[in-house]
PDB file of N, CA and C in Angstrom:
ATOM      1  N   UNK A   1       2.491   1.920  19.582  1.00  0.00           N
ATOM      2  CA  UNK A   1       3.333   1.682  18.440  1.00  0.00           C
ATOM      3  C   UNK A   1       2.503   1.722  17.140  1.00  0.00           C
ATOM      4  N   UNK A   2       1.308   1.137  17.191  1.00  0.00           N
ATOM      5  CA  UNK A   2       0.458   1.128  16.005  1.00  0.00           C
ATOM      6  C   UNK A   2       0.090   2.526  15.543  1.00  0.00           C
ATOM      7  N   UNK A   3      -0.222   3.399  16.496  1.00  0.00           N
ATOM      8  CA  UNK A   3      -0.581   4.774  16.154  1.00  0.00           C
ATOM      9  C   UNK A   3       0.606   5.496  15.512  1.00  0.00           C
ATOM     10  N   UNK A   4       1.785   5.286  16.060  1.00  0.00           N
ATOM     11  CA  UNK A   4       2.991   5.906  15.497  1.00  0.00           C
ATOM     12  C   UNK A   4       3.247   5.447  14.069  1.00  0.00           C
ATOM     13  N   UNK A   5       3.104   4.145  13.833  1.00  0.00           N
ATOM     14  CA  UNK A   5       3.293   3.607  12.482  1.00  0.00           C
ATOM     15  C   UNK A   5       2.221   4.158  11.547  1.00  0.00           C
ATOM     16  N   UNK A   6       1.002   4.279  12.044  1.00  0.00           N
ATOM     17  CA  UNK A   6      -0.088   4.815  11.222  1.00  0.00           C
ATOM     18  C   UNK A   6       0.218   6.243  10.793  1.00  0.00           C
ATOM     19  N   UNK A   7       0.646   7.079  11.710  1.00  0.00           N
ATOM     20  CA  UNK A   7       0.955   8.472  11.362  1.00  0.00           C
ATOM     21  C   UNK A   7       2.187   8.569  10.476  1.00  0.00           C
ATOM     22  N   UNK A   8       3.190   7.749  10.722  1.00  0.00           N
ATOM     23  CA  UNK A   8       4.374   7.748   9.872  1.00  0.00           C
ATOM     24  C   UNK A   8       4.011   7.323   8.453  1.00  0.00           C
ATOM     25  N   UNK A   9       3.132   6.349   8.325  1.00  0.00           N
ATOM     26  CA  UNK A   9       2.659   5.923   7.010  1.00  0.00           C
ATOM     27  C   UNK A   9       1.896   7.066   6.331  1.00  0.00           C
ATOM     28  N   UNK A  10       1.054   7.765   7.078  1.00  0.00           N
ATOM     29  CA  UNK A  10       0.318   8.901   6.522  1.00  0.00           C
ATOM     30  C   UNK A  10       1.240  10.003   6.034  1.00  0.00           C
ATOM     31  N   UNK A  11       2.272  10.284   6.797  1.00  0.00           N
ATOM     32  CA  UNK A  11       3.253  11.300   6.391  1.00  0.00           C
ATOM     33  C   UNK A  11       3.964  10.863   5.118  1.00  0.00           C
ATOM     34  N   UNK A  12       4.340   9.594   5.059  1.00  0.00           N
ATOM     35  CA  UNK A  12       5.026   9.057   3.882  1.00  0.00           C
ATOM     36  C   UNK A  12       4.120   9.110   2.655  1.00  0.00           C
ATOM     37  N   UNK A  13       2.863   8.742   2.816  1.00  0.00           N
ATOM     38  CA  UNK A  13       1.928   8.780   1.689  1.00  0.00           C
ATOM     39  C   UNK A  13       1.642  10.212   1.243  1.00  0.00           C
ATOM     40  N   UNK A  14       1.602  11.140   2.181  1.00  0.00           N
ATOM     41  CA  UNK A  14       1.419  12.554   1.830  1.00  0.00           C
ATOM     42  C   UNK A  14       2.608  13.049   1.026  1.00  0.00           C
ATOM     43  N   UNK A  15       3.794  12.675   1.460  1.00  0.00           N
ATOM     44  CA  UNK A  15       5.013  13.057   0.729  1.00  0.00           C
ATOM     45  C   UNK A  15       4.993  12.455  -0.680  1.00  0.00           C
ATOM     46  N   UNK A  16       4.583  11.201  -0.785  1.00  0.00           N
ATOM     47  CA  UNK A  16       4.509  10.550  -2.103  1.00  0.00           C
ATOM     48  C   UNK A  16       3.530  11.293  -3.011  1.00  0.00           C
ATOM     49  N   UNK A  17       2.412  11.759  -2.449  1.00  0.00           N
ATOM     50  CA  UNK A  17       1.441  12.517  -3.228  1.00  0.00           C
ATOM     51  C   UNK A  17       2.079  13.802  -3.760  1.00  0.00           C
ATOM     52  N   UNK A  18       2.821  14.487  -2.913  1.00  0.00           N
ATOM     53  CA  UNK A  18       3.458  15.730  -3.345  1.00  0.00           C
ATOM     54  C   UNK A  18       4.516  15.475  -4.410  1.00  0.00           C
ATOM     55  N   UNK A  19       5.262  14.400  -4.280  1.00  0.00           N
ATOM     56  CA  UNK A  19       6.264  14.053  -5.289  1.00  0.00           C
ATOM     57  C   UNK A  19       5.571  13.760  -6.625  1.00  0.00           C
ATOM     58  N   UNK A  20       4.456  13.016  -6.588  1.00  0.00           N
ATOM     59  CA  UNK A  20       3.721  12.720  -7.821  1.00  0.00           C
ATOM     60  C   UNK A  20       3.199  14.007  -8.470  1.00  0.00           C
ATOM     61  N   UNK A  21       2.731  14.929  -7.653  1.00  0.00           N
ATOM     62  CA  UNK A  21       2.260  16.204  -8.202  1.00  0.00           C
ATOM     63  C   UNK A  21       3.402  16.940  -8.894  1.00  0.00           C
ATOM     64  N   UNK A  22       4.526  17.010  -8.221  1.00  0.00           N
ATOM     65  CA  UNK A  22       5.658  17.748  -8.758  1.00  0.00           C
ATOM     66  C   UNK A  22       6.157  17.102 -10.055  1.00  0.00           C
ATOM     67  N   UNK A  23       6.292  15.796 -10.068  1.00  0.00           N
ATOM     68  CA  UNK A  23       6.790  15.105 -11.267  1.00  0.00           C
ATOM     69  C   UNK A  23       5.808  15.207 -12.426  1.00  0.00           C
ATOM     70  N   UNK A  24       4.535  15.194 -12.129  1.00  0.00           N
ATOM     71  CA  UNK A  24       3.522  15.311 -13.172  1.00  0.00           C
ATOM     72  C   UNK A  24       3.179  16.739 -13.507  1.00  0.00           C
ATOM     73  N   UNK A  25       3.803  17.678 -12.811  1.00  0.00           N
ATOM     74  CA  UNK A  25       3.535  19.118 -12.990  1.00  0.00           C
ATOM     75  C   UNK A  25       2.048  19.416 -12.930  1.00  0.00           C
ATOM     76  N   UNK A  26       1.432  18.865 -11.896  1.00  0.00           N
ATOM     77  CA  UNK A  26      -0.012  19.040 -11.703  1.00  0.00           C
ATOM     78  C   UNK A  26      -0.254  19.884 -10.467  1.00  0.00           C
ATOM     79  N   UNK A  27      -1.428  20.467 -10.409  1.00  0.00           N
ATOM     80  CA  UNK A  27      -1.838  21.241  -9.248  1.00  0.00           C
ATOM     81  C   UNK A  27      -2.662  20.352  -8.337  1.00  0.00           C
ATOM     82  N   UNK A  28      -2.583  20.645  -7.064  1.00  0.00           N
ATOM     83  CA  UNK A  28      -3.336  19.873  -6.076  1.00  0.00           C
ATOM     84  C   UNK A  28      -4.795  20.287  -6.094  1.00  0.00           C
ATOM     85  N   UNK A  29      -5.651  19.327  -5.850  1.00  0.00           N
ATOM     86  CA  UNK A  29      -7.070  19.604  -5.740  1.00  0.00           C
ATOM     87  C   UNK A  29      -7.715  18.571  -4.835  1.00  0.00           C
ATOM     88  N   UNK A  30      -8.723  18.967  -4.084  1.00  0.00           N
ATOM     89  CA  UNK A  30      -9.352  18.036  -3.152  1.00  0.00           C
ATOM     90  C   UNK A  30      -9.951  16.793  -3.805  1.00  0.00           C
ATOM     91  N   UNK A  31     -10.510  16.906  -5.002  1.00  0.00           N
ATOM     92  CA  UNK A  31     -11.134  15.737  -5.636  1.00  0.00           C
ATOM     93  C   UNK A  31     -10.093  14.709  -6.066  1.00  0.00           C
ATOM     94  N   UNK A  32      -9.030  15.162  -6.711  1.00  0.00           N
ATOM     95  CA  UNK A  32      -7.974  14.252  -7.129  1.00  0.00           C
ATOM     96  C   UNK A  32      -7.298  13.621  -5.906  1.00  0.00           C
ATOM     97  N   UNK A  33      -7.089  14.429  -4.902  1.00  0.00           N
ATOM     98  CA  UNK A  33      -6.444  13.932  -3.684  1.00  0.00           C
ATOM     99  C   UNK A  33      -7.355  12.955  -2.942  1.00  0.00           C
ATOM    100  N   UNK A  34      -8.662  13.176  -2.989  1.00  0.00           N
ATOM    101  CA  UNK A  34      -9.594  12.232  -2.358  1.00  0.00           C
ATOM    102  C   UNK A  34      -9.512  10.877  -3.049  1.00  0.00           C
ATOM    103  N   UNK A  35      -9.373  10.888  -4.363  1.00  0.00           N
ATOM    104  CA  UNK A  35      -9.207   9.626  -5.100  1.00  0.00           C
ATOM    105  C   UNK A  35      -7.905   8.950  -4.678  1.00  0.00           C
ATOM    106  N   UNK A  36      -6.843   9.738  -4.557  1.00  0.00           N
ATOM    107  CA  UNK A  36      -5.561   9.204  -4.076  1.00  0.00           C
ATOM    108  C   UNK A  36      -5.738   8.602  -2.684  1.00  0.00           C
ATOM    109  N   UNK A  37      -6.422   9.308  -1.813  1.00  0.00           N
ATOM    110  CA  UNK A  37      -6.659   8.814  -0.465  1.00  0.00           C
ATOM    111  C   UNK A  37      -7.436   7.505  -0.458  1.00  0.00           C
ATOM    112  N   UNK A  38      -8.452   7.408  -1.312  1.00  0.00           N
ATOM    113  CA  UNK A  38      -9.224   6.167  -1.392  1.00  0.00           C
ATOM    114  C   UNK A  38      -8.331   5.013  -1.844  1.00  0.00           C
ATOM    115  N   UNK A  39      -7.425   5.295  -2.766  1.00  0.00           N
ATOM    116  CA  UNK A  39      -6.493   4.253  -3.218  1.00  0.00           C
ATOM    117  C   UNK A  39      -5.564   3.837  -2.077  1.00  0.00           C
ATOM    118  N   UNK A  40      -5.168   4.789  -1.231  1.00  0.00           N
ATOM    119  CA  UNK A  40      -4.318   4.414  -0.088  1.00  0.00           C
ATOM    120  C   UNK A  40      -5.069   3.503   0.874  1.00  0.00           C
ATOM    121  N   UNK A  41      -6.400   3.531   0.822  1.00  0.00           N
ATOM    122  CA  UNK A  41      -7.204   2.641   1.649  1.00  0.00           C
ATOM    123  C   UNK A  41      -7.042   1.178   1.259  1.00  0.00           C
ATOM    124  N   UNK A  42      -6.506   0.933   0.078  1.00  0.00           N
ATOM    125  CA  UNK A  42      -6.251  -0.449  -0.339  1.00  0.00           C
ATOM    126  C   UNK A  42      -5.113  -1.081   0.462  1.00  0.00           C
ATOM    127  N   UNK A  43      -4.196  -0.252   0.947  1.00  0.00           N
ATOM    128  CA  UNK A  43      -3.076  -0.801   1.728  1.00  0.00           C
ATOM    129  C   UNK A  43      -3.554  -1.609   2.929  1.00  0.00           C
ATOM    130  N   UNK A  44      -4.348  -1.029   3.808  1.00  0.00           N
ATOM    131  CA  UNK A  44      -4.802  -1.832   4.936  1.00  0.00           C
ATOM    132  C   UNK A  44      -5.723  -2.976   4.521  1.00  0.00           C
ATOM    133  N   UNK A  45      -6.500  -2.768   3.472  1.00  0.00           N
ATOM    134  CA  UNK A  45      -7.426  -3.813   3.044  1.00  0.00           C
ATOM    135  C   UNK A  45      -6.701  -5.011   2.443  1.00  0.00           C
ATOM    136  N   UNK A  46      -5.543  -4.760   1.849  1.00  0.00           N
ATOM    137  CA  UNK A  46      -4.799  -5.837   1.198  1.00  0.00           C
ATOM    138  C   UNK A  46      -3.583  -6.307   1.994  1.00  0.00           C
ATOM    139  N   UNK A  47      -3.169  -5.546   3.004  1.00  0.00           N
ATOM    140  CA  UNK A  47      -1.991  -5.927   3.799  1.00  0.00           C
ATOM    141  C   UNK A  47      -2.373  -6.173   5.255  1.00  0.00           C
ATOM    142  N   UNK A  48      -3.001  -5.188   5.872  1.00  0.00           N
ATOM    143  CA  UNK A  48      -3.300  -5.277   7.298  1.00  0.00           C
ATOM    144  C   UNK A  48      -4.379  -6.314   7.609  1.00  0.00           C
ATOM    145  N   UNK A  49      -5.485  -6.256   6.907  1.00  0.00           N
ATOM    146  CA  UNK A  49      -6.571  -7.212   7.167  1.00  0.00           C
ATOM    147  C   UNK A  49      -6.116  -8.667   7.024  1.00  0.00           C
ATOM    148  N   UNK A  50      -5.398  -9.012   5.944  1.00  0.00           N
ATOM    149  CA  UNK A  50      -4.920 -10.394   5.859  1.00  0.00           C
ATOM    150  C   UNK A  50      -3.949 -10.768   6.990  1.00  0.00           C
ATOM    151  N   UNK A  51      -3.144  -9.808   7.435  1.00  0.00           N
ATOM    152  CA  UNK A  51      -2.204 -10.120   8.519  1.00  0.00           C
ATOM    153  C   UNK A  51      -2.931 -10.405   9.832  1.00  0.00           C
ATOM    154  N   UNK A  52      -4.161  -9.922   9.962  1.00  0.00           N
ATOM    155  CA  UNK A  52      -4.973 -10.189  11.147  1.00  0.00           C
ATOM    156  C   UNK A  52      -5.834 -11.435  10.973  1.00  0.00           C
ATOM    157  N   UNK A  53      -5.676 -12.109   9.830  1.00  0.00           N
ATOM    158  CA  UNK A  53      -6.448 -13.315   9.576  1.00  0.00           C
ATOM    159  C   UNK A  53      -7.840 -13.061   9.013  1.00  0.00           C
ATOM    160  N   UNK A  54      -8.110 -11.825   8.607  1.00  0.00           N
ATOM    161  CA  UNK A  54      -9.432 -11.485   8.071  1.00  0.00           C
ATOM    162  C   UNK A  54      -9.524 -11.684   6.565  1.00  0.00           C
ATOM    163  N   UNK A  55      -8.402 -11.938   5.923  1.00  0.00           N
ATOM    164  CA  UNK A  55      -8.372 -12.078   4.475  1.00  0.00           C
ATOM    165  C   UNK A  55      -8.404 -10.726   3.791  1.00  0.00           C
ATOM    166  N   UNK A  56      -8.172 -10.699   2.478  1.00  0.00           N
ATOM    167  CA  UNK A  56      -8.226  -9.425   1.766  1.00  0.00           C
ATOM    168  C   UNK A  56      -9.628  -8.820   1.854  1.00  0.00           C
ATOM    169  N   UNK A  57      -9.668  -7.531   2.046  1.00  0.00           N
ATOM    170  CA  UNK A  57     -10.925  -6.782   2.180  1.00  0.00           C
ATOM    171  C   UNK A  57     -11.777  -7.304   3.338  1.00  0.00           C
ATOM    172  N   UNK A  58     -11.119  -7.917   4.306  1.00  0.00           N
ATOM    173  CA  UNK A  58     -11.784  -8.441   5.516  1.00  0.00           C
ATOM    174  C   UNK A  58     -12.915  -9.400   5.176  1.00  0.00           C
ATOM    175  N   UNK A  59     -12.765 -10.142   4.086  1.00  0.00           N
ATOM    176  CA  UNK A  59     -13.838 -11.022   3.619  1.00  0.00           C
ATOM    177  C   UNK A  59     -14.185 -12.139   4.606  1.00  0.00           C
ATOM    178  N   UNK A  60     -13.262 -12.475   5.482  1.00  0.00           N
ATOM    179  CA  UNK A  60     -13.551 -13.514   6.473  1.00  0.00           C
ATOM    180  C   UNK A  60     -14.263 -12.960   7.705  1.00  0.00           C
ATOM    181  N   UNK A  61     -14.544 -11.692   7.689  1.00  0.00           N
ATOM    182  CA  UNK A  61     -15.244 -11.041   8.790  1.00  0.00           C
ATOM    183  C   UNK A  61     -16.728 -10.952   8.460  1.00  0.00           C
ATOM    184  N   UNK A  62     -17.535 -10.979   9.490  1.00  0.00           N
ATOM    185  CA  UNK A  62     -18.978 -10.797   9.279  1.00  0.00           C
ATOM    186  C   UNK A  62     -19.319  -9.356   8.911  1.00  0.00           C
ATOM    187  N   UNK A  63     -18.381  -8.448   9.134  1.00  0.00           N
ATOM    188  CA  UNK A  63     -18.632  -7.029   8.906  1.00  0.00           C
ATOM    189  C   UNK A  63     -17.827  -6.486   7.733  1.00  0.00           C
ATOM    190  N   UNK A  64     -17.471  -7.321   6.774  1.00  0.00           N
ATOM    191  CA  UNK A  64     -16.610  -6.917   5.668  1.00  0.00           C
ATOM    192  C   UNK A  64     -17.114  -5.662   4.931  1.00  0.00           C
ATOM    193  N   UNK A  65     -18.378  -5.605   4.503  1.00  0.00           N
ATOM    194  CA  UNK A  65     -18.811  -4.409   3.769  1.00  0.00           C
ATOM    195  C   UNK A  65     -18.662  -3.125   4.595  1.00  0.00           C
ATOM    196  N   UNK A  66     -19.001  -3.200   5.872  1.00  0.00           N
ATOM    197  CA  UNK A  66     -18.885  -2.022   6.734  1.00  0.00           C
ATOM    198  C   UNK A  66     -17.426  -1.623   6.913  1.00  0.00           C
ATOM    199  N   UNK A  67     -16.545  -2.583   7.125  1.00  0.00           N
ATOM    200  CA  UNK A  67     -15.119  -2.298   7.315  1.00  0.00           C
ATOM    201  C   UNK A  67     -14.510  -1.677   6.060  1.00  0.00           C
ATOM    202  N   UNK A  68     -14.886  -2.190   4.902  1.00  0.00           N
ATOM    203  CA  UNK A  68     -14.369  -1.648   3.644  1.00  0.00           C
ATOM    204  C   UNK A  68     -14.872  -0.218   3.445  1.00  0.00           C
ATOM    205  N   UNK A  69     -16.171   0.018   3.694  1.00  0.00           N
ATOM    206  CA  UNK A  69     -16.729   1.380   3.555  1.00  0.00           C
ATOM    207  C   UNK A  69     -16.016   2.363   4.478  1.00  0.00           C
ATOM    208  N   UNK A  70     -15.828   1.974   5.733  1.00  0.00           N
ATOM    209  CA  UNK A  70     -15.174   2.858   6.700  1.00  0.00           C
ATOM    210  C   UNK A  70     -13.749   3.173   6.257  1.00  0.00           C
ATOM    211  N   UNK A  71     -13.036   2.143   5.816  1.00  0.00           N
ATOM    212  CA  UNK A  71     -11.645   2.328   5.400  1.00  0.00           C
ATOM    213  C   UNK A  71     -11.555   3.258   4.201  1.00  0.00           C
ATOM    214  N   UNK A  72     -12.369   3.014   3.175  1.00  0.00           N
ATOM    215  CA  UNK A  72     -12.295   3.833   1.974  1.00  0.00           C
ATOM    216  C   UNK A  72     -12.770   5.261   2.223  1.00  0.00           C
ATOM    217  N   UNK A  73     -13.821   5.426   3.003  1.00  0.00           N
ATOM    218  CA  UNK A  73     -14.311   6.769   3.319  1.00  0.00           C
ATOM    219  C   UNK A  73     -13.281   7.544   4.138  1.00  0.00           C
ATOM    220  N   UNK A  74     -12.744   6.903   5.165  1.00  0.00           N
ATOM    221  CA  UNK A  74     -11.737   7.570   6.001  1.00  0.00           C
ATOM    222  C   UNK A  74     -10.517   7.988   5.203  1.00  0.00           C
ATOM    223  N   UNK A  75     -10.066   7.126   4.304  1.00  0.00           N
ATOM    224  CA  UNK A  75      -8.894   7.462   3.514  1.00  0.00           C
ATOM    225  C   UNK A  75      -9.215   8.491   2.428  1.00  0.00           C
ATOM    226  N   UNK A  76     -10.429   8.497   1.920  1.00  0.00           N
ATOM    227  CA  UNK A  76     -10.824   9.533   0.957  1.00  0.00           C
ATOM    228  C   UNK A  76     -10.829  10.903   1.638  1.00  0.00           C
ATOM    229  N   UNK A  77     -11.296  10.957   2.870  1.00  0.00           N
ATOM    230  CA  UNK A  77     -11.273  12.222   3.629  1.00  0.00           C
ATOM    231  C   UNK A  77      -9.827  12.643   3.888  1.00  0.00           C
ATOM    232  N   UNK A  78      -8.976  11.691   4.244  1.00  0.00           N
ATOM    233  CA  UNK A  78      -7.540  11.964   4.412  1.00  0.00           C
ATOM    234  C   UNK A  78      -6.991  12.601   3.135  1.00  0.00           C
ATOM    235  N   UNK A  79      -7.297  11.998   1.970  1.00  0.00           N
ATOM    236  CA  UNK A  79      -6.806  12.536   0.710  1.00  0.00           C
ATOM    237  C   UNK A  79      -7.359  13.914   0.406  1.00  0.00           C
ATOM    238  N   UNK A  80      -8.648  14.103   0.646  1.00  0.00           N
ATOM    239  CA  UNK A  80      -9.254  15.416   0.393  1.00  0.00           C
ATOM    240  C   UNK A  80      -8.593  16.492   1.257  1.00  0.00           C
ATOM    241  N   UNK A  81      -8.286  16.157   2.485  1.00  0.00           N
ATOM    242  CA  UNK A  81      -7.604  17.116   3.370  1.00  0.00           C
ATOM    243  C   UNK A  81      -6.211  17.439   2.836  1.00  0.00           C
ATOM    244  N   UNK A  82      -5.512  16.429   2.350  1.00  0.00           N
ATOM    245  CA  UNK A  82      -4.191  16.674   1.748  1.00  0.00           C
ATOM    246  C   UNK A  82      -4.345  17.638   0.568  1.00  0.00           C
ATOM    247  N   UNK A  83      -5.310  17.367  -0.296  1.00  0.00           N
ATOM    248  CA  UNK A  83      -5.520  18.226  -1.461  1.00  0.00           C
ATOM    249  C   UNK A  83      -5.908  19.643  -1.088  1.00  0.00           C
ATOM    250  N   UNK A  84      -6.802  19.767  -0.119  1.00  0.00           N
ATOM    251  CA  UNK A  84      -7.236  21.092   0.321  1.00  0.00           C
ATOM    252  C   UNK A  84      -6.064  21.898   0.876  1.00  0.00           C
ATOM    253  N   UNK A  85      -5.325  21.303   1.802  1.00  0.00           N
ATOM    254  CA  UNK A  85      -4.223  22.037   2.435  1.00  0.00           C
ATOM    255  C   UNK A  85      -3.061  22.271   1.477  1.00  0.00           C
ATOM    256  N   UNK A  86      -2.815  21.352   0.579  1.00  0.00           N
ATOM    257  CA  UNK A  86      -1.755  21.568  -0.411  1.00  0.00           C
ATOM    258  C   UNK A  86      -2.124  22.733  -1.318  1.00  0.00           C
ATOM    259  N   UNK A  87      -3.363  22.767  -1.780  1.00  0.00           N
ATOM    260  CA  UNK A  87      -3.806  23.864  -2.645  1.00  0.00           C
ATOM    261  C   UNK A  87      -3.778  25.189  -1.880  1.00  0.00           C
ATOM    262  N   UNK A  88      -4.254  25.172  -0.651  1.00  0.00           N
ATOM    263  CA  UNK A  88      -4.295  26.411   0.145  1.00  0.00           C
ATOM    264  C   UNK A  88      -2.894  26.934   0.415  1.00  0.00           C
ATOM    265  N   UNK A  89      -2.006  26.048   0.816  1.00  0.00           N
ATOM    266  CA  UNK A  89      -0.647  26.482   1.136  1.00  0.00           C
ATOM    267  C   UNK A  89       0.140  26.834  -0.117  1.00  0.00           C
ATOM    268  N   UNK A  90      -0.114  26.169  -1.226  1.00  0.00           N
ATOM    269  CA  UNK A  90       0.557  26.498  -2.483  1.00  0.00           C
ATOM    270  C   UNK A  90       0.142  27.884  -2.952  1.00  0.00           C
ATOM    271  N   UNK A  91      -1.135  28.195  -2.840  1.00  0.00           N
ATOM    272  CA  UNK A  91      -1.619  29.515  -3.221  1.00  0.00           C
ATOM    273  C   UNK A  91      -1.025  30.609  -2.364  1.00  0.00           C
ATOM    274  N   UNK A  92      -0.895  30.319  -1.072  1.00  0.00           N
ATOM    275  CA  UNK A  92      -0.308  31.297  -0.158  1.00  0.00           C
ATOM    276  C   UNK A  92       1.162  31.519  -0.468  1.00  0.00           C
ATOM    277  N   UNK A  93       1.879  30.439  -0.763  1.00  0.00           N
ATOM    278  CA  UNK A  93       3.298  30.542  -1.088  1.00  0.00           C
ATOM    279  C   UNK A  93       3.486  31.296  -2.395  1.00  0.00           C
ATOM    280  N   UNK A  94       2.641  31.002  -3.392  1.00  0.00           N
ATOM    281  CA  UNK A  94       2.731  31.686  -4.684  1.00  0.00           C
ATOM    282  C   UNK A  94       2.454  33.177  -4.522  1.00  0.00           C
ATOM    283  N   UNK A  95       1.474  33.533  -3.693  1.00  0.00           N
ATOM    284  CA  UNK A  95       1.140  34.939  -3.482  1.00  0.00           C
ATOM    285  C   UNK A  95       2.309  35.675  -2.831  1.00  0.00           C
ATOM    286  N   UNK A  96       2.962  35.035  -1.843  1.00  0.00           N
ATOM    287  CA  UNK A  96       4.105  35.673  -1.196  1.00  0.00           C
ATOM    288  C   UNK A  96       5.261  35.834  -2.185  1.00  0.00           C
ATOM    289  N   UNK A  97       5.461  34.854  -3.076  1.00  0.00           N
ATOM    290  CA  UNK A  97       6.527  34.931  -4.054  1.00  0.00           C
ATOM    291  C   UNK A  97       6.277  36.084  -5.010  1.00  0.00           C
ATOM    292  N   UNK A  98       5.017  36.247  -5.447  1.00  0.00           N
ATOM    293  CA  UNK A  98       4.674  37.342  -6.354  1.00  0.00           C
ATOM    294  C   UNK A  98       4.851  38.702  -5.700  1.00  0.00           C
ATOM    295  N   UNK A  99       4.638  38.758  -4.379  1.00  0.00           N
ATOM    296  CA  UNK A  99       4.775  40.015  -3.660  1.00  0.00           C
ATOM    297  C   UNK A  99       6.224  40.298  -3.291  1.00  0.00           C
ATOM    298  N   UNK A 100       7.112  39.355  -3.584  1.00  0.00           N
ATOM    299  CA  UNK A 100       8.525  39.559  -3.278  1.00  0.00           C
ATOM    300  C   UNK A 100       8.909  39.107  -1.881  1.00  0.00           C
ATOM    301  N   UNK A 101       7.999  38.419  -1.179  1.00  0.00           N
ATOM    302  CA  UNK A 101       8.308  37.921   0.158  1.00  0.00           C
ATOM    303  C   UNK A 101       8.987  36.578   0.099  1.00  0.00           C
ATOM    304  N   UNK A 102       9.445  36.137   1.262  1.00  0.00           N
ATOM    305  CA  UNK A 102      10.155  34.854   1.325  1.00  0.00           C
ATOM    306  C   UNK A 102       9.207  33.728   1.576  1.00  0.00           C
TER     307      UNK A 102
END
């Protein structure tokens, strides 16, 4: 169940990123998306960790710095992947549109 919720949350956050891009009329890029991904890492640090009794940023854990680094790095990579694939697929879609394809 946890894995399913994790992936559903990732899909929802990816969709939110695309909506923000569209509303801001911005182009996707791996660096901006990596920053977005790092910010999404705050969700587990501020919601999940306290629900497990670890406190915000897992401060009640002996491994707090390591847990925070892993969370932020993992989510930054998630964001960079979103940015990379969004840019790649947007370019491909734009090229097909210019060529008259569907």
